Amino acid sequence: MSDARFEDGAERPLRLQALDAEDLKVISALVQDAVFPATEMAWDSKRREFGLLINRFRWEDHVRAGAPGEAERVQAVLMVRDVLGVASSGVDRNDKDLVLSLLSIEFLPGEDGAGHLSLILAGDGEIRLAVECVDVMLSDVTRPYRAPSHKAPAHPLDKDD
């Protein structure tokens, strides 16, 4: 068994930018179920940038995502620009072994294009970014690799659904 190659999936690594709430929905879908150690997030207040190094599931490769044993992940950088402040809940930054799972990214508009980006985490955690505007970049930085679980993430439906 060999590692996956870029040529096996998409023609090239993803590199996307969201400049409004509609664009952000695409990036949110692509980072659903991404996992990352709490140590792989950083905020540079002087540059007003917040970044995460994530291991995202390759949802865009529908053929592999649904095939048993063929599911892939890729490391990617999720960069948010024009960040004015960062807050979190349900995240113990002192736990060096903590691995977080990103469920979605939501934009809550304020005045004049500003607002809050909420990175919703599994287990009721949240990272909330005060932003001057929506400016989010998703860039794959490694070759795809077989998902350690060998299958796509699953979300059981609530009984009320």
Protein backbone atom coordinates (compact mmCIF):
# COMPACT_ATOMS: atom_id res chain seq x y z
CA MET A 1 0.00 0.00 0.00
CA SER A 2 1.39 3.42 -0.91
CA ASP A 3 0.51 6.93 0.17
CA ALA A 4 -1.91 8.91 -1.94
CA ARG A 5 -0.55 11.47 -4.38
CA PHE A 6 -2.01 14.79 -5.52
CA GLU A 7 -2.36 13.20 -8.97
CA ASP A 8 -4.69 10.56 -7.50
CA GLY A 9 -7.27 13.12 -6.43
CA ALA A 10 -7.59 16.69 -7.55
CA GLU A 11 -5.27 18.19 -10.15
CA ARG A 12 -3.60 20.42 -7.58
CA PRO A 13 -3.83 21.34 -3.89
CA LEU A 14 -6.71 23.54 -2.80
CA ARG A 15 -6.06 27.24 -2.34
CA LEU A 16 -9.25 29.19 -1.68
CA GLN A 17 -10.11 32.61 -0.30
CA ALA A 18 -13.39 33.74 1.26
CA LEU A 19 -14.16 37.46 1.19
CA ASP A 20 -17.83 37.29 2.21
CA ALA A 21 -20.24 35.06 4.12
CA GLU A 22 -21.25 33.12 0.98
CA ASP A 23 -17.64 32.28 0.13
CA LEU A 24 -17.10 31.24 3.74
CA LYS A 25 -19.75 28.51 3.41
CA VAL A 26 -17.54 26.72 0.85
CA ILE A 27 -14.48 26.83 3.09
CA SER A 28 -16.57 25.76 6.09
CA ALA A 29 -17.77 22.68 4.18
CA LEU A 30 -14.20 21.77 3.20
CA VAL A 31 -12.85 22.03 6.76
CA GLN A 32 -15.71 20.13 8.38
CA ASP A 33 -14.21 17.40 10.58
CA ALA A 34 -10.69 18.81 10.37
CA VAL A 35 -8.62 17.94 13.42
CA PHE A 36 -5.73 19.86 14.92
CA PRO A 37 -3.69 19.98 18.11
CA ALA A 38 -4.43 23.03 20.25
CA THR A 39 -0.73 23.83 19.94
CA GLU A 40 -1.16 24.41 16.18
CA MET A 41 -3.14 27.63 16.45
CA ALA A 42 -1.58 31.06 16.66
CA TRP A 43 -2.66 34.70 16.75
CA ASP A 44 -0.27 37.44 15.68
CA SER A 45 -1.89 40.59 17.09
CA LYS A 46 0.55 42.94 15.35
CA ARG A 47 -0.13 41.43 11.93
CA ARG A 48 -3.79 40.86 12.85
CA GLU A 49 -3.68 37.24 11.66
CA PHE A 50 -4.98 34.03 13.19
CA GLY A 51 -3.84 30.71 11.77
CA LEU A 52 -4.44 27.01 12.24
CA LEU A 53 -2.53 24.04 10.85
CA ILE A 54 -5.29 21.49 10.34
CA ASN A 55 -5.59 17.93 9.09
CA ARG A 56 -8.67 18.23 6.94
CA PHE A 57 -10.74 15.44 5.46
CA ARG A 58 -10.78 15.67 1.64
CA TRP A 59 -14.56 16.02 1.18
CA GLU A 60 -14.00 17.34 -2.36
CA ASP A 61 -12.87 13.87 -3.52
CA HIS A 62 -16.31 12.21 -3.37
CA VAL A 63 -15.15 8.94 -4.97
CA ARG A 64 -12.44 8.28 -2.38
CA ALA A 65 -14.39 9.76 0.55
CA GLY A 66 -17.10 7.12 0.15
CA ALA A 67 -14.90 4.12 -0.68
CA PRO A 68 -13.93 1.90 2.27
CA GLY A 69 -10.22 2.24 3.04
CA GLU A 70 -9.72 5.06 0.53
CA ALA A 71 -10.58 8.11 2.67
CA GLU A 72 -7.90 10.80 2.64
CA ARG A 73 -6.80 13.78 4.70
CA VAL A 74 -4.37 16.56 3.88
CA GLN A 75 -2.62 19.14 6.06
CA ALA A 76 -3.78 22.67 5.33
CA VAL A 77 -3.35 26.15 6.72
CA LEU A 78 -6.50 28.05 7.62
CA MET A 79 -5.56 31.75 7.83
CA VAL A 80 -7.85 34.55 8.97
CA ARG A 81 -6.76 38.15 8.35
CA ASP A 82 -7.93 41.45 9.88
CA VAL A 83 -8.44 39.82 13.28
CA LEU A 84 -9.01 42.33 16.07
CA GLY A 85 -9.35 39.88 18.97
CA VAL A 86 -9.54 36.18 19.84
CA ALA A 87 -11.54 34.41 22.55
CA SER A 88 -12.32 30.77 23.16
CA SER A 89 -14.56 28.60 25.27
CA GLY A 90 -14.27 24.90 25.96
CA VAL A 91 -10.58 24.91 24.94
CA ASP A 92 -7.84 24.22 27.50
CA ARG A 93 -4.80 25.91 25.94
CA ASN A 94 -2.62 24.48 28.74
CA ASP A 95 -3.35 20.89 27.63
CA LYS A 96 -0.48 20.23 25.19
CA ASP A 97 -2.08 16.91 24.12
CA LEU A 98 -5.51 18.37 23.32
CA VAL A 99 -6.73 17.60 19.80
CA LEU A 100 -9.68 19.63 18.57
CA SER A 101 -12.20 18.81 15.85
CA LEU A 102 -13.56 21.66 13.71
CA LEU A 103 -17.22 21.27 12.77
CA SER A 104 -17.96 24.55 10.98
CA ILE A 105 -17.10 28.22 10.54
CA GLU A 106 -19.85 30.83 10.87
CA PHE A 107 -19.85 34.58 10.32
CA LEU A 108 -21.96 36.78 12.59
CA PRO A 109 -22.12 40.23 10.93
CA GLY A 110 -21.78 43.45 12.86
CA GLU A 111 -21.60 46.98 11.49
CA ASP A 112 -19.82 48.07 8.30
CA GLY A 113 -18.65 44.56 7.29
CA ALA A 114 -17.10 43.81 10.67
CA GLY A 115 -18.33 40.99 12.86
CA HIS A 116 -17.29 37.71 14.45
CA LEU A 117 -16.06 34.48 12.92
CA SER A 118 -16.95 31.49 15.06
CA LEU A 119 -14.98 28.28 14.67
CA ILE A 120 -17.39 25.71 16.09
CA LEU A 121 -15.65 22.72 17.68
CA ALA A 122 -16.89 19.29 18.67
CA GLY A 123 -17.76 19.03 22.35
CA ASP A 124 -19.29 22.52 22.61
CA GLY A 125 -15.99 24.34 22.12
CA GLU A 126 -15.66 27.56 20.15
CA ILE A 127 -12.94 29.91 18.97
CA ARG A 128 -14.42 33.37 18.36
CA LEU A 129 -12.54 35.91 16.26
CA ALA A 130 -13.51 39.59 16.16
CA VAL A 131 -12.80 40.59 12.55
CA GLU A 132 -12.79 43.81 10.61
CA CYS A 133 -14.06 41.91 7.54
CA VAL A 134 -14.26 38.37 6.16
CA ASP A 135 -10.84 37.43 4.80
CA VAL A 136 -10.17 33.70 5.17
CA MET A 137 -7.66 31.61 3.21
CA LEU A 138 -7.51 27.81 3.03
CA SER A 139 -4.32 26.35 1.53
CA ASP A 140 -3.31 22.69 1.35
CA VAL A 141 0.36 22.36 2.29
CA THR A 142 1.08 18.61 2.08
CA ARG A 143 0.23 15.74 -0.17
CA PRO A 144 -2.94 13.82 0.70
CA TYR A 145 -2.52 10.80 2.94
CA ARG A 146 -4.79 7.90 3.85
CA ALA A 147 -6.99 8.80 6.80
CA PRO A 148 -5.83 6.85 9.87
CA SER A 149 -9.39 5.60 10.41
CA HIS A 150 -9.60 4.51 6.73
CA LYS A 151 -13.13 5.92 6.55
CA ALA A 152 -15.06 9.18 6.26
CA PRO A 153 -16.18 10.93 9.45
CA ALA A 154 -19.81 10.22 10.32
CA HIS A 155 -22.30 12.27 12.30
CA PRO A 156 -25.17 10.32 13.82
CA LEU A 157 -28.46 12.10 13.41
CA ASP A 158 -30.31 13.33 16.45
CA LYS A 159 -33.50 11.44 17.18
CA ASP A 160 -35.45 14.67 16.54
CA ASP A 161 -34.11 14.98 12.93
